[in-house]
C-alpha cells in the first residue's frame, strides 16, 4: 500500500491518502529516463538556425588580386570562409531535431519519476485548494507554507484555471501544469511536486 502526504493551503498535514501502486510504486531504468528526457528536450527545439555559405553571401564575384606576384596567398573570392565578411564553413542549417518517444515510454518514465518523488517524500497532495481571484500573495504564501526550502515547485492541477495561472506567473521557480499535460521533463526539473487532490484521480486514470 502506498500513501501520500496530504496538506492544506496553510501547510497543515491531513489524513494520508492511499494511491495507486501502478503509478506511485514503479521502478524505471536510468536509460529509459535519459532517453525520454533527451527526446522531450530535443522535440522542443525549433531547428530554425541558419548561416550563409560562401555561395549565399552577396558580393565576391571578382578575384580580389592577381594569382601570382603579390607574395600573398591566392584568393579567388572575398567571400571565402577565411576572410572577413565571407561565408561560414560547416555552419548550422535549418533541420528537424524530432526524436521519437513513444507514448508508453513517456508514461513509464512519468510513473517512475512520480514514484521516486513519493519515496523521497518530495511529493504531496494539496487538499481544499481554492483561489477565488488572482492573488500572487495568496499563492506565494501557500507555496511557502507547503515547502519554503523547495528549489522549484511544480503544481499539478485538475484542469486549466486562469486564476491559478495569473496568481503564479510572477513567482520565480514555480510551474503549473494540468494532469493531462504534465510530463517527465516537468517532474525531473522540480524539487517539490504538489498534486491538487482533484487532479490525482485524473492523473491515475491517464497513467494506468
Protein backbone atom coordinates (compact mmCIF):
# COMPACT_ATOMS: atom_id res chain seq x y z
CA UNK A 1 0.00 0.00 0.00
CA UNK A 2 1.33 3.44 -0.99
CA UNK A 3 0.18 6.54 0.83
CA UNK A 4 0.93 10.18 0.12
CA UNK A 5 1.25 13.08 2.50
CA UNK A 6 -1.73 15.45 2.37
CA UNK A 7 -1.57 19.13 3.35
CA UNK A 8 -3.92 22.08 3.09
CA UNK A 9 -3.14 25.59 1.84
CA UNK A 10 -1.69 26.53 5.25
CA UNK A 11 0.70 23.57 5.19
CA UNK A 12 -1.18 21.68 7.94
CA UNK A 13 -0.99 17.92 7.50
CA UNK A 14 -4.21 15.99 6.92
CA UNK A 15 -5.01 12.27 6.81
CA UNK A 16 -2.66 10.47 4.38
CA UNK A 17 -4.19 9.36 1.11
CA UNK A 18 -3.87 5.89 -0.37
CA UNK A 19 -2.91 5.95 -4.06
CA UNK A 20 -2.49 3.55 -6.97
CA UNK A 21 0.69 1.48 -6.77
CA UNK A 22 0.78 1.18 -10.58
CA UNK A 23 1.56 4.91 -10.70
CA UNK A 24 3.38 5.67 -7.45
CA UNK A 25 5.36 2.47 -6.87
CA UNK A 26 7.18 1.89 -10.16
CA UNK A 27 10.86 1.18 -10.83
CA UNK A 28 12.26 2.63 -14.06
CA UNK A 29 15.74 2.26 -15.55
CA UNK A 30 18.03 5.25 -15.82
CA UNK A 31 18.43 4.51 -19.54
CA UNK A 32 14.70 4.92 -20.17
CA UNK A 33 14.59 8.16 -18.19
CA UNK A 34 17.55 9.52 -20.13
CA UNK A 35 16.02 8.61 -23.49
CA UNK A 36 12.67 10.20 -22.63
CA UNK A 37 14.09 13.41 -21.15
CA UNK A 38 16.55 13.94 -24.02
CA UNK A 39 13.80 13.17 -26.51
CA UNK A 40 11.39 15.68 -24.96
CA UNK A 41 14.10 18.35 -24.86
CA UNK A 42 15.04 17.71 -28.49
CA UNK A 43 11.40 17.94 -29.58
CA UNK A 44 11.18 21.43 -28.10
CA UNK A 45 13.89 22.74 -30.42
CA UNK A 46 12.67 24.72 -33.42
CA UNK A 47 15.68 24.00 -35.61
CA UNK A 48 15.37 27.30 -37.48
CA UNK A 49 19.03 28.30 -37.08
CA UNK A 50 20.77 29.15 -40.33
CA UNK A 51 24.08 30.54 -41.63
CA UNK A 52 25.16 31.53 -45.13
CA UNK A 53 27.74 29.60 -47.09
CA UNK A 54 30.20 31.33 -49.44
CA UNK A 55 27.76 30.80 -52.32
CA UNK A 56 24.96 32.60 -50.45
CA UNK A 57 26.89 35.70 -49.28
CA UNK A 58 26.43 38.68 -51.62
CA UNK A 59 29.46 40.02 -53.48
CA UNK A 60 32.78 38.36 -54.13
CA UNK A 61 32.33 37.94 -57.84
CA UNK A 62 35.68 39.38 -58.87
CA UNK A 63 39.04 37.93 -57.95
CA UNK A 64 40.47 40.28 -55.25
CA UNK A 65 44.01 40.36 -56.70
CA UNK A 66 46.06 38.56 -59.31
CA UNK A 67 47.10 34.99 -58.78
CA UNK A 68 50.88 35.48 -58.75
CA UNK A 69 53.41 38.14 -57.96
CA UNK A 70 51.92 39.69 -54.81
CA UNK A 71 53.56 37.41 -52.25
CA UNK A 72 50.19 36.72 -50.68
CA UNK A 73 48.13 33.56 -50.58
CA UNK A 74 45.98 33.03 -53.64
CA UNK A 75 42.41 34.19 -53.30
CA UNK A 76 39.57 33.51 -55.68
CA UNK A 77 36.86 35.41 -53.81
CA UNK A 78 36.44 37.88 -50.96
CA UNK A 79 33.64 35.70 -49.62
CA UNK A 80 35.79 32.75 -48.66
CA UNK A 81 35.23 31.44 -45.12
CA UNK A 82 38.75 32.53 -44.07
CA UNK A 83 38.10 36.20 -44.89
CA UNK A 84 36.10 38.81 -43.01
CA UNK A 85 32.64 39.10 -44.47
CA UNK A 86 32.88 35.68 -46.02
CA UNK A 87 30.58 32.72 -45.72
CA UNK A 88 30.52 30.19 -42.88
CA UNK A 89 32.07 26.77 -43.39
CA UNK A 90 30.03 23.89 -42.00
CA UNK A 91 27.64 26.25 -40.18
CA UNK A 92 24.19 25.22 -38.94
CA UNK A 93 21.30 24.93 -41.38
CA UNK A 94 17.58 24.51 -40.69
CA UNK A 95 16.89 20.95 -39.63
CA UNK A 96 14.48 18.89 -37.56
CA UNK A 97 15.54 17.65 -34.13
CA UNK A 98 12.50 15.41 -33.73
CA UNK A 99 13.25 12.34 -31.64
CA UNK A 100 10.64 9.62 -31.48
CA UNK A 101 9.44 8.97 -27.95
CA UNK A 102 6.55 6.54 -27.72
CA UNK A 103 3.53 7.09 -25.50
CA UNK A 104 4.43 4.02 -23.46
CA UNK A 105 7.94 5.32 -22.79
CA UNK A 106 6.64 8.70 -21.68
CA UNK A 107 4.02 7.10 -19.42
CA UNK A 108 6.52 4.72 -17.83
CA UNK A 109 9.09 7.48 -17.27
CA UNK A 110 6.49 9.74 -15.65
CA UNK A 111 5.32 6.95 -13.33
CA UNK A 112 8.91 6.20 -12.35
CA UNK A 113 9.67 9.83 -11.52
CA UNK A 114 6.46 10.27 -9.53
CA UNK A 115 7.30 7.08 -7.62
CA UNK A 116 10.79 8.37 -6.86
CA UNK A 117 9.42 11.70 -5.61
CA UNK A 118 6.91 9.85 -3.42
CA UNK A 119 9.59 7.57 -1.94
CA UNK A 120 11.88 10.51 -1.15
CA UNK A 121 8.97 12.50 0.35
CA UNK A 122 9.20 15.23 -2.25
CA UNK A 123 5.61 14.79 -3.38
CA UNK A 124 2.46 15.74 -1.52
CA UNK A 125 -1.27 16.15 -2.16
CA UNK A 126 -2.94 19.54 -1.71
CA UNK A 127 -6.46 19.46 -0.29
CA UNK A 128 -9.10 22.21 -0.28
CA UNK A 129 -7.23 24.22 -2.91
CA UNK A 130 -9.28 27.25 -3.91
CA UNK A 131 -8.31 30.73 -5.09
CA UNK A 132 -11.28 32.94 -5.95
CA UNK A 133 -9.38 35.82 -7.55
CA UNK A 134 -5.89 36.29 -9.00
CA UNK A 135 -3.72 36.94 -5.94
CA UNK A 136 0.02 36.46 -6.12
CA UNK A 137 0.43 36.94 -2.36
CA UNK A 138 -2.09 34.20 -1.55
CA UNK A 139 -0.41 31.75 -3.89
CA UNK A 140 3.10 32.63 -2.68
CA UNK A 141 2.10 32.17 0.96
CA UNK A 142 0.66 28.75 0.11
CA UNK A 143 3.85 27.62 -1.64
CA UNK A 144 5.96 28.87 1.28
CA UNK A 145 3.75 27.07 3.81
CA UNK A 146 4.00 23.77 1.93
CA UNK A 147 7.78 23.84 1.46
CA UNK A 148 9.74 27.05 1.95
CA UNK A 149 13.07 25.40 1.03
CA UNK A 150 11.99 23.97 -2.33
CA UNK A 151 14.31 24.93 -5.18
CA UNK A 152 11.49 24.65 -7.73
CA UNK A 153 7.87 23.70 -7.14
CA UNK A 154 5.58 22.02 -9.65
CA UNK A 155 1.85 22.31 -9.01
CA UNK A 156 -0.33 19.83 -10.89
CA UNK A 157 -3.96 20.97 -11.10
CA UNK A 158 -7.03 19.12 -12.32
CA UNK A 159 -8.00 21.46 -15.17
CA UNK A 160 -6.87 24.66 -16.83
CA UNK A 161 -7.56 27.51 -14.42
CA UNK A 162 -6.78 31.12 -15.49
CA UNK A 163 -6.96 32.33 -11.88
CA UNK A 164 -4.22 29.93 -10.79
CA UNK A 165 -2.06 30.82 -13.79
CA UNK A 166 -2.38 34.55 -13.14
CA UNK A 167 -1.63 34.07 -9.44
CA UNK A 168 1.53 32.03 -10.09
CA UNK A 169 3.12 33.56 -13.18
CA UNK A 170 5.10 36.25 -11.29
CA UNK A 171 6.53 33.82 -8.73
CA UNK A 172 10.00 32.54 -9.66
CA UNK A 173 10.69 28.79 -9.66
CA UNK A 174 7.02 27.82 -9.67
CA UNK A 175 5.41 25.94 -12.56
CA UNK A 176 1.75 24.97 -13.02
CA UNK A 177 0.64 22.05 -15.20
CA UNK A 178 -2.63 20.18 -15.64
CA UNK A 179 -2.97 16.45 -15.00
CA UNK A 180 -3.40 15.95 -18.75
CA UNK A 181 -0.26 17.90 -19.74
CA UNK A 182 2.38 17.16 -17.10
CA UNK A 183 5.33 15.15 -18.41
CA UNK A 184 8.62 13.68 -17.23
CA UNK A 185 10.56 16.82 -18.11
CA UNK A 186 8.35 18.92 -15.80
CA UNK A 187 8.76 16.49 -12.90
CA UNK A 188 12.51 15.93 -13.20
CA UNK A 189 13.22 19.68 -13.19
CA UNK A 190 11.26 20.29 -9.97
CA UNK A 191 12.41 19.58 -6.44
CA UNK A 192 8.89 19.54 -4.95
CA UNK A 193 5.74 18.14 -6.59
CA UNK A 194 2.34 19.28 -5.32
CA UNK A 195 -0.73 17.45 -6.64
CA UNK A 196 -4.14 19.02 -6.28
CA UNK A 197 -6.38 16.36 -4.74
CA UNK A 198 -8.89 16.71 -7.57
CA UNK A 199 -6.08 16.13 -10.09
CA UNK A 200 -4.99 12.85 -8.53
CA UNK A 201 -7.74 10.59 -9.98
CA UNK A 202 -7.30 12.18 -13.43
CA UNK A 203 -3.55 11.57 -13.30
CA UNK A 204 -4.03 7.94 -12.19
CA UNK A 205 -6.60 7.36 -14.94
CA UNK A 206 -4.22 8.76 -17.55
CA UNK A 207 -1.24 6.66 -16.42
CA UNK A 208 -2.97 3.29 -15.86
